[in-house]
Amino acid sequence: MQDKKLPVQITTENFEIISSGVVHLTEEEIKFKLGSLVIKYKFKRDLYKPRFVGEMVGNELVISLYNSDNQTGEGKIDPIEIGVLRGKPLFTTWFVNTIEHNLRLFSYTFMWKSE
């Protein structure tokens, strides 16, 4: 008997999930490629409160996450639009649990608006 893959499609009332997962990190940066789009998340520290800043650097969207040092976690659960993929608006969410200085659980989701 052949092993057939069962495709999983995840949707909510408003979104179709493209990719979602958890990455265990020991570094200050993580990069995702979705088609021709490149999205980088960078972890930074300064003297201010936790926040995020997005900017285009060359052909990459860089989302800097400042002061994401909370063991119980913090992030952006409400989807934000970050670009266009295959002619559809692309949204993302993330949540970070920082265990120690550079030991993190990074949860992410990329999604389109449901039609």
C-alpha atoms as a PDB file:
ATOM      1  CA  MET A   1       0.000   0.000   0.000  1.00  0.00           C
ATOM      2  CA  GLN A   2       1.326   3.424  -0.929  1.00  0.00           C
ATOM      3  CA  ASP A   3       1.849   6.030   1.749  1.00  0.00           C
ATOM      4  CA  LYS A   4      -0.339   8.976   0.767  1.00  0.00           C
ATOM      5  CA  LYS A   5       0.089  12.364   2.337  1.00  0.00           C
ATOM      6  CA  LEU A   6      -3.042  13.899   3.730  1.00  0.00           C
ATOM      7  CA  PRO A   7      -3.014  17.637   3.055  1.00  0.00           C
ATOM      8  CA  VAL A   8      -3.971  19.727   6.051  1.00  0.00           C
ATOM      9  CA  GLN A   9      -5.765  23.010   5.483  1.00  0.00           C
ATOM     10  CA  ILE A  10      -6.198  25.351   8.439  1.00  0.00           C
ATOM     11  CA  THR A  11      -8.697  28.194   8.318  1.00  0.00           C
ATOM     12  CA  THR A  12     -10.375  30.560  10.716  1.00  0.00           C
ATOM     13  CA  GLU A  13     -13.396  32.733  10.081  1.00  0.00           C
ATOM     14  CA  ASN A  14     -11.188  35.420   8.517  1.00  0.00           C
ATOM     15  CA  PHE A  15      -7.900  33.756   7.523  1.00  0.00           C
ATOM     16  CA  GLU A  16      -6.348  30.846   5.652  1.00  0.00           C
ATOM     17  CA  ILE A  17      -3.160  29.700   7.380  1.00  0.00           C
ATOM     18  CA  ILE A  18      -0.196  29.322   5.005  1.00  0.00           C
ATOM     19  CA  SER A  19       2.422  28.267   7.536  1.00  0.00           C
ATOM     20  CA  SER A  20       2.548  28.012  11.303  1.00  0.00           C
ATOM     21  CA  GLY A  21       5.013  26.489  13.722  1.00  0.00           C
ATOM     22  CA  VAL A  22       7.458  26.806  16.577  1.00  0.00           C
ATOM     23  CA  VAL A  23      11.217  27.244  16.213  1.00  0.00           C
ATOM     24  CA  HIS A  24      13.694  26.759  19.064  1.00  0.00           C
ATOM     25  CA  LEU A  25      16.257  29.550  18.764  1.00  0.00           C
ATOM     26  CA  THR A  26      19.711  30.183  20.172  1.00  0.00           C
ATOM     27  CA  GLU A  27      20.495  33.025  17.786  1.00  0.00           C
ATOM     28  CA  GLU A  28      19.442  36.666  17.378  1.00  0.00           C
ATOM     29  CA  GLU A  29      17.787  36.270  13.962  1.00  0.00           C
ATOM     30  CA  ILE A  30      15.437  33.995  12.051  1.00  0.00           C
ATOM     31  CA  LYS A  31      14.628  34.219   8.328  1.00  0.00           C
ATOM     32  CA  PHE A  32      11.586  32.948   6.438  1.00  0.00           C
ATOM     33  CA  LYS A  33      11.219  32.691   2.645  1.00  0.00           C
ATOM     34  CA  LEU A  34       7.687  32.590   1.292  1.00  0.00           C
ATOM     35  CA  GLY A  35       7.943  32.476  -2.474  1.00  0.00           C
ATOM     36  CA  SER A  36      10.008  35.518  -3.388  1.00  0.00           C
ATOM     37  CA  LEU A  37       9.321  37.277  -0.069  1.00  0.00           C
ATOM     38  CA  VAL A  38      11.959  37.255   2.654  1.00  0.00           C
ATOM     39  CA  ILE A  39      10.924  38.103   6.211  1.00  0.00           C
ATOM     40  CA  LYS A  40      13.508  38.363   8.986  1.00  0.00           C
ATOM     41  CA  TYR A  41      12.810  38.653  12.683  1.00  0.00           C
ATOM     42  CA  LYS A  42      15.687  40.138  14.697  1.00  0.00           C
ATOM     43  CA  PHE A  43      15.909  40.205  18.479  1.00  0.00           C
ATOM     44  CA  LYS A  44      17.316  43.445  19.890  1.00  0.00           C
ATOM     45  CA  ARG A  45      17.701  45.066  23.303  1.00  0.00           C
ATOM     46  CA  ASP A  46      17.623  48.681  24.425  1.00  0.00           C
ATOM     47  CA  LEU A  47      16.484  50.713  27.437  1.00  0.00           C
ATOM     48  CA  TYR A  48      12.854  51.050  26.352  1.00  0.00           C
ATOM     49  CA  LYS A  49       9.757  48.851  26.620  1.00  0.00           C
ATOM     50  CA  PRO A  50       9.081  45.767  24.455  1.00  0.00           C
ATOM     51  CA  ARG A  51       7.940  46.669  20.941  1.00  0.00           C
ATOM     52  CA  PHE A  52       8.417  45.787  17.283  1.00  0.00           C
ATOM     53  CA  VAL A  53       9.559  47.855  14.315  1.00  0.00           C
ATOM     54  CA  GLY A  54       9.251  46.763  10.681  1.00  0.00           C
ATOM     55  CA  GLU A  55      11.372  48.137   7.848  1.00  0.00           C
ATOM     56  CA  MET A  56      12.430  47.211   4.351  1.00  0.00           C
ATOM     57  CA  VAL A  57      16.156  46.510   4.061  1.00  0.00           C
ATOM     58  CA  GLY A  58      16.955  45.850   0.425  1.00  0.00           C
ATOM     59  CA  ASN A  59      14.437  43.229  -0.698  1.00  0.00           C
ATOM     60  CA  GLU A  60      13.772  41.929   2.816  1.00  0.00           C
ATOM     61  CA  LEU A  61      11.212  42.865   5.437  1.00  0.00           C
ATOM     62  CA  VAL A  62      13.029  43.053   8.777  1.00  0.00           C
ATOM     63  CA  ILE A  63      10.872  42.973  11.892  1.00  0.00           C
ATOM     64  CA  SER A  64      12.958  43.967  14.908  1.00  0.00           C
ATOM     65  CA  LEU A  65      11.612  42.656  18.203  1.00  0.00           C
ATOM     66  CA  TYR A  66      12.928  44.806  21.034  1.00  0.00           C
ATOM     67  CA  ASN A  67      13.295  43.528  24.591  1.00  0.00           C
ATOM     68  CA  SER A  68      11.477  40.224  24.055  1.00  0.00           C
ATOM     69  CA  ASP A  69      12.795  38.789  27.322  1.00  0.00           C
ATOM     70  CA  ASN A  70       9.615  37.542  28.979  1.00  0.00           C
ATOM     71  CA  GLN A  71       9.663  33.896  30.118  1.00  0.00           C
ATOM     72  CA  THR A  72       5.875  33.683  30.053  1.00  0.00           C
ATOM     73  CA  GLY A  73       5.893  35.114  26.546  1.00  0.00           C
ATOM     74  CA  GLU A  74       4.907  38.142  24.535  1.00  0.00           C
ATOM     75  CA  GLY A  75       4.233  38.931  20.922  1.00  0.00           C
ATOM     76  CA  LYS A  76       1.727  40.104  18.355  1.00  0.00           C
ATOM     77  CA  ILE A  77      -1.288  37.783  18.278  1.00  0.00           C
ATOM     78  CA  ASP A  78      -3.569  40.170  16.365  1.00  0.00           C
ATOM     79  CA  PRO A  79      -2.599  39.638  12.680  1.00  0.00           C
ATOM     80  CA  ILE A  80      -0.762  42.477  10.956  1.00  0.00           C
ATOM     81  CA  GLU A  81      -0.437  42.916   7.201  1.00  0.00           C
ATOM     82  CA  ILE A  82       3.177  42.673   6.030  1.00  0.00           C
ATOM     83  CA  GLY A  83       2.991  42.445   2.247  1.00  0.00           C
ATOM     84  CA  VAL A  84       1.437  40.735  -0.753  1.00  0.00           C
ATOM     85  CA  LEU A  85       1.982  37.109  -1.753  1.00  0.00           C
ATOM     86  CA  ARG A  86       0.499  35.695  -4.964  1.00  0.00           C
ATOM     87  CA  GLY A  87      -1.674  38.777  -5.270  1.00  0.00           C
ATOM     88  CA  LYS A  88      -3.178  38.395  -1.787  1.00  0.00           C
ATOM     89  CA  PRO A  89      -2.466  40.463   1.339  1.00  0.00           C
ATOM     90  CA  LEU A  90      -0.109  38.546   3.649  1.00  0.00           C
ATOM     91  CA  PHE A  91      -0.496  38.692   7.431  1.00  0.00           C
ATOM     92  CA  THR A  92       1.635  37.443  10.299  1.00  0.00           C
ATOM     93  CA  THR A  93       1.540  36.852  14.039  1.00  0.00           C
ATOM     94  CA  TRP A  94       4.270  35.772  16.461  1.00  0.00           C
ATOM     95  CA  PHE A  95       4.818  34.943  20.100  1.00  0.00           C
ATOM     96  CA  VAL A  96       8.172  34.604  21.879  1.00  0.00           C
ATOM     97  CA  ASN A  97       9.008  32.825  25.121  1.00  0.00           C
ATOM     98  CA  THR A  98      12.545  33.720  26.238  1.00  0.00           C
ATOM     99  CA  ILE A  99      13.920  31.085  28.578  1.00  0.00           C
ATOM    100  CA  GLU A 100      17.332  32.737  28.979  1.00  0.00           C
ATOM    101  CA  HIS A 101      19.289  35.421  27.142  1.00  0.00           C
ATOM    102  CA  ASN A 102      19.376  33.686  23.719  1.00  0.00           C
ATOM    103  CA  LEU A 103      17.204  30.623  24.356  1.00  0.00           C
ATOM    104  CA  ARG A 104      13.790  31.208  22.828  1.00  0.00           C
ATOM    105  CA  LEU A 105      10.664  29.483  21.616  1.00  0.00           C
ATOM    106  CA  PHE A 106       9.477  31.453  18.584  1.00  0.00           C
ATOM    107  CA  SER A 107       5.903  30.710  17.485  1.00  0.00           C
ATOM    108  CA  TYR A 108       4.827  32.120  14.130  1.00  0.00           C
ATOM    109  CA  THR A 109       1.922  32.126  11.703  1.00  0.00           C
ATOM    110  CA  PHE A 110       1.682  33.430   8.139  1.00  0.00           C
ATOM    111  CA  MET A 111      -1.808  33.757   6.652  1.00  0.00           C
ATOM    112  CA  TRP A 112      -4.020  35.198   3.919  1.00  0.00           C
ATOM    113  CA  LYS A 113      -7.449  36.765   4.301  1.00  0.00           C
ATOM    114  CA  SER A 114     -10.180  34.199   3.619  1.00  0.00           C
ATOM    115  CA  GLU A 115     -12.188  34.828   0.485  1.00  0.00           C
END
